[in-house]
Amino acid sequence: MVTTEIVSIDGHQAVKLPDEYRFPDATVSIRKEGEAVILEPVRAKTWPAGFFDAIRIDDPAFARPPQGETPRAPSVDSW
């Protein structure tokens, strides 16, 4: 079990996170389950800029197979 120190800063508590537990961003969500306090990274609400432009699928296995002919739309008279 890894342990760490709780420090007081201006009347608030803070936890010193060891390097292997650090979060990549400055915001986390916090919740309690029983006596456990759980911190989780907040997921981005949008895709990063250029995300979809960077996706390239050149593998023919990802090609859409032939769908056949498109059926005729029903005529208004057949309703």
PDB file of N, CA and C in Angstrom:
ATOM      1  N   MET A   1       0.845  -1.172   0.000  1.00  0.00           N
ATOM      2  CA  MET A   1       0.000   0.000   0.000  1.00  0.00           C
ATOM      3  C   MET A   1       0.891   1.236   0.000  1.00  0.00           C
ATOM      4  N   VAL A   2       0.548   2.184  -0.856  1.00  0.00           N
ATOM      5  CA  VAL A   2       1.278   3.451  -0.908  1.00  0.00           C
ATOM      6  C   VAL A   2       0.568   4.432   0.016  1.00  0.00           C
ATOM      7  N   THR A   3       1.323   5.173   0.803  1.00  0.00           N
ATOM      8  CA  THR A   3       0.740   6.213   1.657  1.00  0.00           C
ATOM      9  C   THR A   3       1.383   7.543   1.287  1.00  0.00           C
ATOM     10  N   THR A   4       0.702   8.619   1.642  1.00  0.00           N
ATOM     11  CA  THR A   4       1.228   9.953   1.367  1.00  0.00           C
ATOM     12  C   THR A   4       0.745  10.903   2.452  1.00  0.00           C
ATOM     13  N   GLU A   5       1.135  12.132   2.351  1.00  0.00           N
ATOM     14  CA  GLU A   5       0.872  13.114   3.397  1.00  0.00           C
ATOM     15  C   GLU A   5      -0.296  14.022   3.022  1.00  0.00           C
ATOM     16  N   ILE A   6      -1.105  14.370   4.021  1.00  0.00           N
ATOM     17  CA  ILE A   6      -2.147  15.383   3.859  1.00  0.00           C
ATOM     18  C   ILE A   6      -1.603  16.667   4.455  1.00  0.00           C
ATOM     19  N   VAL A   7      -1.678  17.759   3.700  1.00  0.00           N
ATOM     20  CA  VAL A   7      -1.177  19.049   4.184  1.00  0.00           C
ATOM     21  C   VAL A   7      -2.322  20.044   4.238  1.00  0.00           C
ATOM     22  N   SER A   8      -2.219  21.038   5.114  1.00  0.00           N
ATOM     23  CA  SER A   8      -3.216  22.100   5.215  1.00  0.00           C
ATOM     24  C   SER A   8      -2.699  23.339   4.511  1.00  0.00           C
ATOM     25  N   ILE A   9      -3.531  23.904   3.652  1.00  0.00           N
ATOM     26  CA  ILE A   9      -3.183  25.126   2.925  1.00  0.00           C
ATOM     27  C   ILE A   9      -4.371  26.072   3.032  1.00  0.00           C
ATOM     28  N   ASP A  10      -4.197  27.186   3.702  1.00  0.00           N
ATOM     29  CA  ASP A  10      -5.252  28.194   3.868  1.00  0.00           C
ATOM     30  C   ASP A  10      -6.573  27.584   4.339  1.00  0.00           C
ATOM     31  N   GLY A  11      -6.517  26.685   5.292  1.00  0.00           N
ATOM     32  CA  GLY A  11      -7.720  26.082   5.840  1.00  0.00           C
ATOM     33  C   GLY A  11      -8.292  24.932   5.018  1.00  0.00           C
ATOM     34  N   HIS A  12      -7.630  24.570   3.935  1.00  0.00           N
ATOM     35  CA  HIS A  12      -8.075  23.453   3.098  1.00  0.00           C
ATOM     36  C   HIS A  12      -7.082  22.312   3.222  1.00  0.00           C
ATOM     37  N   GLN A  13      -7.531  21.118   2.910  1.00  0.00           N
ATOM     38  CA  GLN A  13      -6.630  19.973   2.902  1.00  0.00           C
ATOM     39  C   GLN A  13      -6.187  19.686   1.466  1.00  0.00           C
ATOM     40  N   ALA A  14      -4.942  19.269   1.331  1.00  0.00           N
ATOM     41  CA  ALA A  14      -4.396  18.864   0.039  1.00  0.00           C
ATOM     42  C   ALA A  14      -3.621  17.569   0.253  1.00  0.00           C
ATOM     43  N   VAL A  15      -3.558  16.766  -0.777  1.00  0.00           N
ATOM     44  CA  VAL A  15      -2.842  15.502  -0.700  1.00  0.00           C
ATOM     45  C   VAL A  15      -1.662  15.569  -1.649  1.00  0.00           C
ATOM     46  N   LYS A  16      -0.487  15.218  -1.166  1.00  0.00           N
ATOM     47  CA  LYS A  16       0.704  15.163  -2.010  1.00  0.00           C
ATOM     48  C   LYS A  16       0.649  13.860  -2.801  1.00  0.00           C
ATOM     49  N   LEU A  17       0.501  13.968  -4.126  1.00  0.00           N
ATOM     50  CA  LEU A  17       0.416  12.772  -4.957  1.00  0.00           C
ATOM     51  C   LEU A  17       1.804  12.339  -5.405  1.00  0.00           C
ATOM     52  N   PRO A  18       2.160  11.090  -5.198  1.00  0.00           N
ATOM     53  CA  PRO A  18       3.428  10.589  -5.741  1.00  0.00           C
ATOM     54  C   PRO A  18       3.390  10.672  -7.274  1.00  0.00           C
ATOM     55  N   ASP A  19       4.554  10.709  -7.899  1.00  0.00           N
ATOM     56  CA  ASP A  19       4.637  10.878  -9.355  1.00  0.00           C
ATOM     57  C   ASP A  19       3.751   9.910 -10.124  1.00  0.00           C
ATOM     58  N   GLU A  20       3.694   8.650  -9.715  1.00  0.00           N
ATOM     59  CA  GLU A  20       2.922   7.661 -10.473  1.00  0.00           C
ATOM     60  C   GLU A  20       1.409   7.838 -10.350  1.00  0.00           C
ATOM     61  N   TYR A  21       0.952   8.769  -9.480  1.00  0.00           N
ATOM     62  CA  TYR A  21      -0.475   9.018  -9.307  1.00  0.00           C
ATOM     63  C   TYR A  21      -0.894  10.393  -9.824  1.00  0.00           C
ATOM     64  N   ARG A  22       0.008  11.113 -10.428  1.00  0.00           N
ATOM     65  CA  ARG A  22      -0.314  12.474 -10.878  1.00  0.00           C
ATOM     66  C   ARG A  22      -1.295  12.451 -12.034  1.00  0.00           C
ATOM     67  N   PHE A  23      -2.100  13.501 -12.131  1.00  0.00           N
ATOM     68  CA  PHE A  23      -3.092  13.656 -13.188  1.00  0.00           C
ATOM     69  C   PHE A  23      -2.513  14.530 -14.295  1.00  0.00           C
ATOM     70  N   PRO A  24      -2.875  14.256 -15.549  1.00  0.00           N
ATOM     71  CA  PRO A  24      -2.317  15.040 -16.657  1.00  0.00           C
ATOM     72  C   PRO A  24      -2.892  16.460 -16.733  1.00  0.00           C
ATOM     73  N   ASP A  25      -4.102  16.672 -16.220  1.00  0.00           N
ATOM     74  CA  ASP A  25      -4.742  17.991 -16.308  1.00  0.00           C
ATOM     75  C   ASP A  25      -4.927  18.584 -14.913  1.00  0.00           C
ATOM     76  N   ALA A  26      -5.388  19.824 -14.861  1.00  0.00           N
ATOM     77  CA  ALA A  26      -5.498  20.537 -13.588  1.00  0.00           C
ATOM     78  C   ALA A  26      -6.832  20.312 -12.882  1.00  0.00           C
ATOM     79  N   THR A  27      -7.797  19.616 -13.523  1.00  0.00           N
ATOM     80  CA  THR A  27      -9.120  19.437 -12.933  1.00  0.00           C
ATOM     81  C   THR A  27      -9.440  17.957 -12.801  1.00  0.00           C
ATOM     82  N   VAL A  28      -9.973  17.581 -11.642  1.00  0.00           N
ATOM     83  CA  VAL A  28     -10.432  16.214 -11.400  1.00  0.00           C
ATOM     84  C   VAL A  28     -11.833  16.272 -10.798  1.00  0.00           C
ATOM     85  N   SER A  29     -12.597  15.195 -10.961  1.00  0.00           N
ATOM     86  CA  SER A  29     -13.869  15.098 -10.248  1.00  0.00           C
ATOM     87  C   SER A  29     -13.588  14.381  -8.929  1.00  0.00           C
ATOM     88  N   ILE A  30     -14.409  14.653  -7.939  1.00  0.00           N
ATOM     89  CA  ILE A  30     -14.211  14.054  -6.616  1.00  0.00           C
ATOM     90  C   ILE A  30     -15.549  13.532  -6.121  1.00  0.00           C
ATOM     91  N   ARG A  31     -15.527  12.348  -5.511  1.00  0.00           N
ATOM     92  CA  ARG A  31     -16.744  11.776  -4.937  1.00  0.00           C
ATOM     93  C   ARG A  31     -16.357  10.848  -3.792  1.00  0.00           C
ATOM     94  N   LYS A  32     -17.340  10.532  -2.966  1.00  0.00           N
ATOM     95  CA  LYS A  32     -17.110   9.612  -1.853  1.00  0.00           C
ATOM     96  C   LYS A  32     -17.900   8.337  -2.091  1.00  0.00           C
ATOM     97  N   GLU A  33     -17.279   7.222  -1.783  1.00  0.00           N
ATOM     98  CA  GLU A  33     -17.965   5.929  -1.734  1.00  0.00           C
ATOM     99  C   GLU A  33     -17.619   5.331  -0.377  1.00  0.00           C
ATOM    100  N   GLY A  34     -18.587   5.352   0.525  1.00  0.00           N
ATOM    101  CA  GLY A  34     -18.305   4.938   1.900  1.00  0.00           C
ATOM    102  C   GLY A  34     -17.301   5.903   2.496  1.00  0.00           C
ATOM    103  N   GLU A  35     -16.192   5.381   2.995  1.00  0.00           N
ATOM    104  CA  GLU A  35     -15.148   6.250   3.544  1.00  0.00           C
ATOM    105  C   GLU A  35     -14.066   6.577   2.517  1.00  0.00           C
ATOM    106  N   ALA A  36     -14.155   6.012   1.326  1.00  0.00           N
ATOM    107  CA  ALA A  36     -13.149   6.267   0.290  1.00  0.00           C
ATOM    108  C   ALA A  36     -13.450   7.576  -0.424  1.00  0.00           C
ATOM    109  N   VAL A  37     -12.422   8.348  -0.697  1.00  0.00           N
ATOM    110  CA  VAL A  37     -12.524   9.561  -1.504  1.00  0.00           C
ATOM    111  C   VAL A  37     -11.878   9.232  -2.846  1.00  0.00           C
ATOM    112  N   ILE A  38     -12.640   9.413  -3.928  1.00  0.00           N
ATOM    113  CA  ILE A  38     -12.173   9.002  -5.252  1.00  0.00           C
ATOM    114  C   ILE A  38     -11.986  10.222  -6.142  1.00  0.00           C
ATOM    115  N   LEU A  39     -10.788  10.361  -6.678  1.00  0.00           N
ATOM    116  CA  LEU A  39     -10.471  11.420  -7.630  1.00  0.00           C
ATOM    117  C   LEU A  39     -10.363  10.792  -9.010  1.00  0.00           C
ATOM    118  N   GLU A  40     -11.002  11.410 -10.002  1.00  0.00           N
ATOM    119  CA  GLU A  40     -10.938  10.898 -11.368  1.00  0.00           C
ATOM    120  C   GLU A  40     -10.705  12.053 -12.327  1.00  0.00           C
ATOM    121  N   PRO A  41      -9.943  11.806 -13.411  1.00  0.00           N
ATOM    122  CA  PRO A  41      -9.735  12.875 -14.388  1.00  0.00           C
ATOM    123  C   PRO A  41     -11.063  13.243 -15.040  1.00  0.00           C
ATOM    124  N   VAL A  42     -11.212  14.514 -15.342  1.00  0.00           N
ATOM    125  CA  VAL A  42     -12.408  14.994 -16.042  1.00  0.00           C
ATOM    126  C   VAL A  42     -12.156  14.803 -17.529  1.00  0.00           C
ATOM    127  N   ARG A  43     -13.042  14.081 -18.179  1.00  0.00           N
ATOM    128  CA  ARG A  43     -12.881  13.826 -19.609  1.00  0.00           C
ATOM    129  C   ARG A  43     -13.288  15.057 -20.411  1.00  0.00           C
ATOM    130  N   ALA A  44     -12.591  15.281 -21.504  1.00  0.00           N
ATOM    131  CA  ALA A  44     -12.892  16.419 -22.368  1.00  0.00           C
ATOM    132  C   ALA A  44     -14.308  16.286 -22.930  1.00  0.00           C
ATOM    133  N   LYS A  45     -14.980  17.406 -23.087  1.00  0.00           N
ATOM    134  CA  LYS A  45     -16.335  17.399 -23.634  1.00  0.00           C
ATOM    135  C   LYS A  45     -16.333  17.512 -25.153  1.00  0.00           C
ATOM    136  N   THR A  46     -15.199  17.829 -25.711  1.00  0.00           N
ATOM    137  CA  THR A  46     -15.095  17.941 -27.162  1.00  0.00           C
ATOM    138  C   THR A  46     -13.861  17.177 -27.629  1.00  0.00           C
ATOM    139  N   TRP A  47     -13.828  16.852 -28.892  1.00  0.00           N
ATOM    140  CA  TRP A  47     -12.666  16.195 -29.477  1.00  0.00           C
ATOM    141  C   TRP A  47     -11.550  17.217 -29.643  1.00  0.00           C
ATOM    142  N   PRO A  48     -10.301  16.824 -29.504  1.00  0.00           N
ATOM    143  CA  PRO A  48      -9.198  17.766 -29.706  1.00  0.00           C
ATOM    144  C   PRO A  48      -9.203  18.308 -31.134  1.00  0.00           C
ATOM    145  N   ALA A  49      -8.712  19.525 -31.293  1.00  0.00           N
ATOM    146  CA  ALA A  49      -8.649  20.145 -32.622  1.00  0.00           C
ATOM    147  C   ALA A  49      -7.878  19.242 -33.577  1.00  0.00           C
ATOM    148  N   GLY A  50      -8.421  19.045 -34.773  1.00  0.00           N
ATOM    149  CA  GLY A  50      -7.761  18.234 -35.791  1.00  0.00           C
ATOM    150  C   GLY A  50      -7.895  16.741 -35.597  1.00  0.00           C
ATOM    151  N   PHE A  51      -8.663  16.304 -34.587  1.00  0.00           N
ATOM    152  CA  PHE A  51      -8.776  14.876 -34.301  1.00  0.00           C
ATOM    153  C   PHE A  51      -9.281  14.097 -35.511  1.00  0.00           C
ATOM    154  N   PHE A  52     -10.377  14.549 -36.104  1.00  0.00           N
ATOM    155  CA  PHE A  52     -10.962  13.802 -37.218  1.00  0.00           C
ATOM    156  C   PHE A  52     -10.125  13.921 -38.490  1.00  0.00           C
ATOM    157  N   ASP A  53      -9.416  15.025 -38.655  1.00  0.00           N
ATOM    158  CA  ASP A  53      -8.535  15.166 -39.818  1.00  0.00           C
ATOM    159  C   ASP A  53      -7.368  14.191 -39.743  1.00  0.00           C
ATOM    160  N   ALA A  54      -6.985  13.801 -38.537  1.00  0.00           N
ATOM    161  CA  ALA A  54      -5.836  12.921 -38.358  1.00  0.00           C
ATOM    162  C   ALA A  54      -6.181  11.450 -38.577  1.00  0.00           C
ATOM    163  N   ILE A  55      -7.470  11.134 -38.633  1.00  0.00           N
ATOM    164  CA  ILE A  55      -7.868   9.736 -38.802  1.00  0.00           C
ATOM    165  C   ILE A  55      -7.770   9.366 -40.278  1.00  0.00           C
ATOM    166  N   ARG A  56      -6.993   8.351 -40.560  1.00  0.00           N
ATOM    167  CA  ARG A  56      -6.840   7.852 -41.930  1.00  0.00           C
ATOM    168  C   ARG A  56      -6.971   6.337 -41.876  1.00  0.00           C
ATOM    169  N   ILE A  57      -7.971   5.812 -42.558  1.00  0.00           N
ATOM    170  CA  ILE A  57      -8.133   4.364 -42.616  1.00  0.00           C
ATOM    171  C   ILE A  57      -7.961   3.954 -44.070  1.00  0.00           C
ATOM    172  N   ASP A  58      -6.766   3.463 -44.383  1.00  0.00           N
ATOM    173  CA  ASP A  58      -6.458   3.063 -45.745  1.00  0.00           C
ATOM    174  C   ASP A  58      -6.628   1.566 -45.966  1.00  0.00           C
ATOM    175  N   ASP A  59      -6.930   0.819 -44.923  1.00  0.00           N
ATOM    176  CA  ASP A  59      -7.067  -0.629 -45.028  1.00  0.00           C
ATOM    177  C   ASP A  59      -8.355  -0.958 -45.793  1.00  0.00           C
ATOM    178  N   PRO A  60      -8.273  -1.734 -46.873  1.00  0.00           N
ATOM    179  CA  PRO A  60      -9.475  -2.077 -47.635  1.00  0.00           C
ATOM    180  C   PRO A  60     -10.518  -2.840 -46.807  1.00  0.00           C
ATOM    181  N   ALA A  61     -10.116  -3.464 -45.710  1.00  0.00           N
ATOM    182  CA  ALA A  61     -11.074  -4.175 -44.861  1.00  0.00           C
ATOM    183  C   ALA A  61     -12.094  -3.224 -44.253  1.00  0.00           C
ATOM    184  N   PHE A  62     -11.771  -1.928 -44.214  1.00  0.00           N
ATOM    185  CA  PHE A  62     -12.696  -0.952 -43.660  1.00  0.00           C
ATOM    186  C   PHE A  62     -13.615  -0.347 -44.710  1.00  0.00           C
ATOM    187  N   ALA A  63     -13.480  -0.777 -45.977  1.00  0.00           N
ATOM    188  CA  ALA A  63     -14.325  -0.245 -47.040  1.00  0.00           C
ATOM    189  C   ALA A  63     -15.740  -0.792 -46.889  1.00  0.00           C
ATOM    190  N   ARG A  64     -16.697  -0.001 -47.250  1.00  0.00           N
ATOM    191  CA  ARG A  64     -18.093  -0.448 -47.182  1.00  0.00           C
ATOM    192  C   ARG A  64     -18.345  -1.414 -48.331  1.00  0.00           C
ATOM    193  N   PRO A  65     -18.896  -2.588 -48.048  1.00  0.00           N
ATOM    194  CA  PRO A  65     -19.153  -3.547 -49.128  1.00  0.00           C
ATOM    195  C   PRO A  65     -20.263  -3.042 -50.041  1.00  0.00           C
ATOM    196  N   PRO A  66     -20.353  -3.576 -51.263  1.00  0.00           N
ATOM    197  CA  PRO A  66     -21.429  -3.159 -52.175  1.00  0.00           C
ATOM    198  C   PRO A  66     -22.797  -3.377 -51.513  1.00  0.00           C
ATOM    199  N   GLN A  67     -23.672  -2.426 -51.704  1.00  0.00           N
ATOM    200  CA  GLN A  67     -24.986  -2.478 -51.058  1.00  0.00           C
ATOM    201  C   GLN A  67     -26.097  -2.902 -52.010  1.00  0.00           C
ATOM    202  N   GLY A  68     -25.769  -3.127 -53.278  1.00  0.00           N
ATOM    203  CA  GLY A  68     -26.811  -3.488 -54.241  1.00  0.00           C
ATOM    204  C   GLY A  68     -27.534  -2.246 -54.716  1.00  0.00           C
ATOM    205  N   GLU A  69     -28.560  -2.465 -55.509  1.00  0.00           N
ATOM    206  CA  GLU A  69     -29.317  -1.329 -56.042  1.00  0.00           C
ATOM    207  C   GLU A  69     -30.222  -0.741 -54.970  1.00  0.00           C
ATOM    208  N   THR A  70     -30.435   0.534 -55.060  1.00  0.00           N
ATOM    209  CA  THR A  70     -31.351   1.210 -54.151  1.00  0.00           C
ATOM    210  C   THR A  70     -32.775   0.901 -54.586  1.00  0.00           C
ATOM    211  N   PRO A  71     -33.630   0.431 -53.678  1.00  0.00           N
ATOM    212  CA  PRO A  71     -35.002   0.130 -54.086  1.00  0.00           C
ATOM    213  C   PRO A  71     -35.749   1.408 -54.468  1.00  0.00           C
ATOM    214  N   ARG A  72     -36.718   1.232 -55.354  1.00  0.00           N
ATOM    215  CA  ARG A  72     -37.542   2.380 -55.760  1.00  0.00           C
ATOM    216  C   ARG A  72     -38.351   2.859 -54.592  1.00  0.00           C
ATOM    217  N   ALA A  73     -38.503   4.152 -54.516  1.00  0.00           N
ATOM    218  CA  ALA A  73     -39.371   4.740 -53.495  1.00  0.00           C
ATOM    219  C   ALA A  73     -40.814   4.430 -53.860  1.00  0.00           C
ATOM    220  N   PRO A  74     -41.663   4.181 -52.890  1.00  0.00           N
ATOM    221  CA  PRO A  74     -43.081   3.898 -53.214  1.00  0.00           C
ATOM    222  C   PRO A  74     -43.718   5.140 -53.818  1.00  0.00           C
ATOM    223  N   SER A  75     -44.599   4.908 -54.758  1.00  0.00           N
ATOM    224  CA  SER A  75     -45.291   6.049 -55.367  1.00  0.00           C
ATOM    225  C   SER A  75     -46.420   6.485 -54.443  1.00  0.00           C
ATOM    226  N   VAL A  76     -46.841   7.695 -54.586  1.00  0.00           N
ATOM    227  CA  VAL A  76     -47.903   8.256 -53.762  1.00  0.00           C
ATOM    228  C   VAL A  76     -49.194   7.486 -54.001  1.00  0.00           C
ATOM    229  N   ASP A  77     -49.410   6.964 -55.226  1.00  0.00           N
ATOM    230  CA  ASP A  77     -50.636   6.244 -55.555  1.00  0.00           C
ATOM    231  C   ASP A  77     -50.771   4.950 -54.783  1.00  0.00           C
ATOM    232  N   SER A  78     -49.649   4.369 -54.330  1.00  0.00           N
ATOM    233  CA  SER A  78     -49.730   3.072 -53.651  1.00  0.00           C
ATOM    234  C   SER A  78     -50.037   3.200 -52.164  1.00  0.00           C
ATOM    235  N   TRP A  79     -50.183   4.414 -51.651  1.00  0.00           N
ATOM    236  CA  TRP A  79     -50.487   4.579 -50.220  1.00  0.00           C
ATOM    237  C   TRP A  79     -51.914   4.359 -50.035  1.00  0.00           C
TER     238      TRP A  79
END
